[in-house]
Amino acid sequence: MMKPAVIVVMGVSGSGKSTFGRALADALGWDFLEGDDMHPPPNIEKMHAGIALDDDDRRPWLDHIAAWIGSEESRGRHGVVTCSALKRAYRDRLRQSGMAVCFVYLRVEPSELEQRMRQRSHFMPAALLDSQLQALEEPFPDEASLTLPGNRTMDEMMAEVRHWLQRGDARSTG
């Protein structure tokens, strides 16, 4: 099985990144990082106030995640990290960490996302969902990525990722 060094579980807020990412890391026996924990306090304050982040706001956050990816490489470890990775440029930044990085994109319908966001306690309010959907660039065909419909069960999604890894389709193209 060709294993990527790091799988980034990506998608907009409310897509289930944290739940699925943690379960995937546990199932694979890989390290796990909750990407939201890497946001600097000003980012959290902005989102909590209902202000969408821009590229400049996201840069230090992506740099922190990329540094974690680099530390996984230096320790010879595999990992799973959650990160919205909304734009190709953000995914490119994560791939620049110098190791094999691939993406599992959780695609969920906007109406389901809004419902999920309204039912949880998180610093990202549902009011910012539209800004995330507008910024979203789904993974391009040349990116090492797997798209999973968010309406599948955890077991179905886990099986799909395992099959994807076994096929070797997770090889990073960056």
Protein backbone atom coordinates (compact mmCIF):
# COMPACT_ATOMS: atom_id res chain seq x y z
CA MET A 1 0.00 0.00 0.00
CA MET A 2 1.33 3.42 -0.95
CA LYS A 3 0.77 5.57 2.12
CA PRO A 4 0.93 9.33 1.90
CA ALA A 5 2.83 10.92 4.72
CA VAL A 6 -0.10 13.20 5.56
CA ILE A 7 -3.77 13.18 4.65
CA VAL A 8 -5.50 16.56 4.88
CA VAL A 9 -9.22 16.12 5.54
CA MET A 10 -10.67 19.20 3.87
CA GLY A 11 -13.99 20.91 3.28
CA VAL A 12 -16.01 23.86 4.45
CA SER A 13 -17.02 24.36 8.04
CA GLY A 14 -19.63 21.84 9.15
CA SER A 15 -18.58 19.15 6.68
CA GLY A 16 -17.42 16.78 9.41
CA LYS A 17 -13.67 17.21 9.05
CA SER A 18 -12.88 16.91 12.76
CA THR A 19 -15.04 13.87 13.41
CA PHE A 20 -13.89 12.02 10.31
CA GLY A 21 -10.25 13.12 10.57
CA ARG A 22 -9.91 11.92 14.14
CA ALA A 23 -11.61 8.60 13.31
CA LEU A 24 -9.39 8.14 10.25
CA ALA A 25 -6.20 8.82 12.20
CA ASP A 26 -7.29 6.37 14.89
CA ALA A 27 -8.14 3.69 12.32
CA LEU A 28 -4.82 4.09 10.52
CA GLY A 29 -2.77 4.47 13.71
CA TRP A 30 -1.46 7.84 12.45
CA ASP A 31 -0.92 11.10 14.32
CA PHE A 32 -3.78 13.60 14.32
CA LEU A 33 -3.88 17.40 14.33
CA GLU A 34 -7.06 19.45 14.61
CA GLY A 35 -6.30 22.29 12.21
CA ASP A 36 -8.65 24.69 13.99
CA ASP A 37 -6.26 24.57 16.96
CA MET A 38 -3.60 26.23 14.78
CA HIS A 39 -5.62 29.41 14.16
CA PRO A 40 -4.01 32.44 15.79
CA PRO A 41 -6.28 34.23 18.30
CA PRO A 42 -7.04 37.17 15.94
CA ASN A 43 -8.49 34.71 13.39
CA ILE A 44 -10.75 33.12 15.99
CA GLU A 45 -11.88 36.56 17.17
CA LYS A 46 -12.73 37.61 13.61
CA MET A 47 -14.69 34.44 12.87
CA HIS A 48 -16.49 34.60 16.21
CA ALA A 49 -17.50 38.17 15.30
CA GLY A 50 -18.88 36.92 11.97
CA ILE A 51 -16.05 38.36 9.86
CA ALA A 52 -14.76 36.10 7.09
CA LEU A 53 -11.03 35.43 6.94
CA ASP A 54 -9.08 36.56 3.91
CA ASP A 55 -5.92 35.13 2.38
CA ASP A 56 -3.69 37.26 4.64
CA ASP A 57 -5.53 35.97 7.73
CA ARG A 58 -5.16 32.38 6.60
CA ARG A 59 -1.45 32.58 5.74
CA PRO A 60 -0.05 32.15 9.31
CA TRP A 61 -2.60 29.41 9.98
CA LEU A 62 -1.55 27.50 6.87
CA ASP A 63 2.10 28.05 7.82
CA HIS A 64 1.45 26.46 11.24
CA ILE A 65 -0.21 23.45 9.62
CA ALA A 66 2.60 23.14 7.06
CA ALA A 67 5.12 23.24 9.92
CA TRP A 68 3.30 20.36 11.62
CA ILE A 69 3.36 18.42 8.35
CA GLY A 70 7.11 19.08 8.14
CA SER A 71 7.58 17.86 11.70
CA GLU A 72 5.77 14.63 10.82
CA GLU A 73 8.24 14.13 7.98
CA SER A 74 11.28 14.84 10.16
CA ARG A 75 10.04 12.29 12.70
CA GLY A 76 9.27 9.71 10.01
CA ARG A 77 5.60 9.72 10.98
CA HIS A 78 2.33 9.66 9.07
CA GLY A 79 -0.48 12.00 10.02
CA VAL A 80 -3.99 13.23 9.43
CA VAL A 81 -4.80 16.92 9.76
CA THR A 82 -8.07 18.79 9.37
CA CYS A 83 -7.95 21.99 7.34
CA SER A 84 -10.60 23.63 5.20
CA ALA A 85 -7.99 24.01 2.40
CA LEU A 86 -10.63 25.90 0.45
CA LYS A 87 -8.43 27.11 -2.40
CA ARG A 88 -5.88 25.43 -4.59
CA ALA A 89 -3.30 27.98 -3.42
CA TYR A 90 -3.85 26.86 0.18
CA ARG A 91 -3.44 23.21 -0.79
CA ASP A 92 -0.31 24.13 -2.75
CA ARG A 93 1.08 25.78 0.40
CA LEU A 94 0.52 22.58 2.37
CA ARG A 95 2.15 20.50 -0.36
CA GLN A 96 5.24 22.76 -0.18
CA SER A 97 6.09 21.27 3.19
CA GLY A 98 8.34 18.85 1.32
CA MET A 99 6.51 15.59 1.76
CA ALA A 100 3.71 13.58 0.24
CA VAL A 101 0.43 15.30 1.05
CA CYS A 102 -2.96 14.23 -0.25
CA PHE A 103 -6.50 15.45 0.40
CA VAL A 104 -9.78 13.84 1.35
CA TYR A 105 -12.52 16.32 0.49
CA LEU A 106 -15.82 15.97 2.35
CA ARG A 107 -18.49 17.37 0.02
CA VAL A 108 -21.77 18.20 1.77
CA GLU A 109 -24.82 20.00 0.38
CA PRO A 110 -25.14 23.62 1.59
CA SER A 111 -28.52 23.03 3.26
CA GLU A 112 -27.03 20.16 5.28
CA LEU A 113 -23.98 22.25 6.18
CA GLU A 114 -26.15 25.07 7.49
CA GLN A 115 -28.21 22.67 9.58
CA ARG A 116 -25.08 21.07 11.06
CA MET A 117 -23.51 24.43 11.84
CA ARG A 118 -26.60 25.67 13.65
CA GLN A 119 -26.59 22.55 15.85
CA ARG A 120 -23.03 22.84 17.14
CA SER A 121 -20.96 25.03 19.39
CA HIS A 122 -17.98 26.38 17.45
CA PHE A 123 -16.23 29.71 16.89
CA MET A 124 -17.28 29.62 13.22
CA PRO A 125 -20.87 30.92 12.97
CA ALA A 126 -23.27 29.62 10.32
CA ALA A 127 -23.40 33.17 8.93
CA LEU A 128 -19.90 32.63 7.46
CA LEU A 129 -20.90 29.51 5.52
CA ASP A 130 -21.65 31.48 2.34
CA SER A 131 -18.18 33.07 2.37
CA GLN A 132 -16.59 29.63 2.64
CA LEU A 133 -18.72 28.22 -0.17
CA GLN A 134 -17.81 31.21 -2.37
CA ALA A 135 -14.09 30.72 -1.66
CA LEU A 136 -14.19 26.95 -2.20
CA GLU A 137 -12.27 25.55 -5.15
CA GLU A 138 -12.92 21.83 -5.17
CA PRO A 139 -9.79 19.75 -5.79
CA PHE A 140 -8.64 19.73 -9.38
CA PRO A 141 -8.09 16.47 -11.30
CA ASP A 142 -4.30 16.82 -11.08
CA GLU A 143 -4.35 16.98 -7.27
CA ALA A 144 -3.93 13.85 -5.17
CA SER A 145 -7.41 13.86 -3.72
CA LEU A 146 -10.47 11.79 -2.97
CA THR A 147 -13.94 13.35 -2.82
CA LEU A 148 -16.37 11.75 -0.40
CA PRO A 149 -20.08 12.60 -0.33
CA GLY A 150 -20.82 13.81 3.18
CA ASN A 151 -24.07 11.84 3.38
CA ARG A 152 -22.25 8.50 3.65
CA THR A 153 -21.78 6.70 6.91
CA MET A 154 -18.48 6.85 8.74
CA ASP A 155 -17.86 3.18 7.90
CA GLU A 156 -18.54 3.76 4.19
CA MET A 157 -16.19 6.75 4.08
CA MET A 158 -13.50 4.88 5.99
CA ALA A 159 -13.74 1.93 3.59
CA GLU A 160 -13.46 4.26 0.60
CA VAL A 161 -10.31 5.91 1.97
CA ARG A 162 -8.72 2.54 2.73
CA HIS A 163 -9.51 1.34 -0.80
CA TRP A 164 -8.08 4.59 -2.23
CA LEU A 165 -4.88 4.15 -0.23
CA GLN A 166 -4.57 0.50 -1.27
CA ARG A 167 -4.98 1.42 -4.95
CA GLY A 168 -2.13 3.89 -4.58
CA ASP A 169 -4.22 6.77 -5.87
CA ALA A 170 -3.18 8.93 -2.95
CA ARG A 171 0.25 9.69 -4.37
CA SER A 172 0.98 13.38 -4.15
CA THR A 173 1.45 15.14 -7.45
CA GLY A 174 3.14 18.11 -5.77
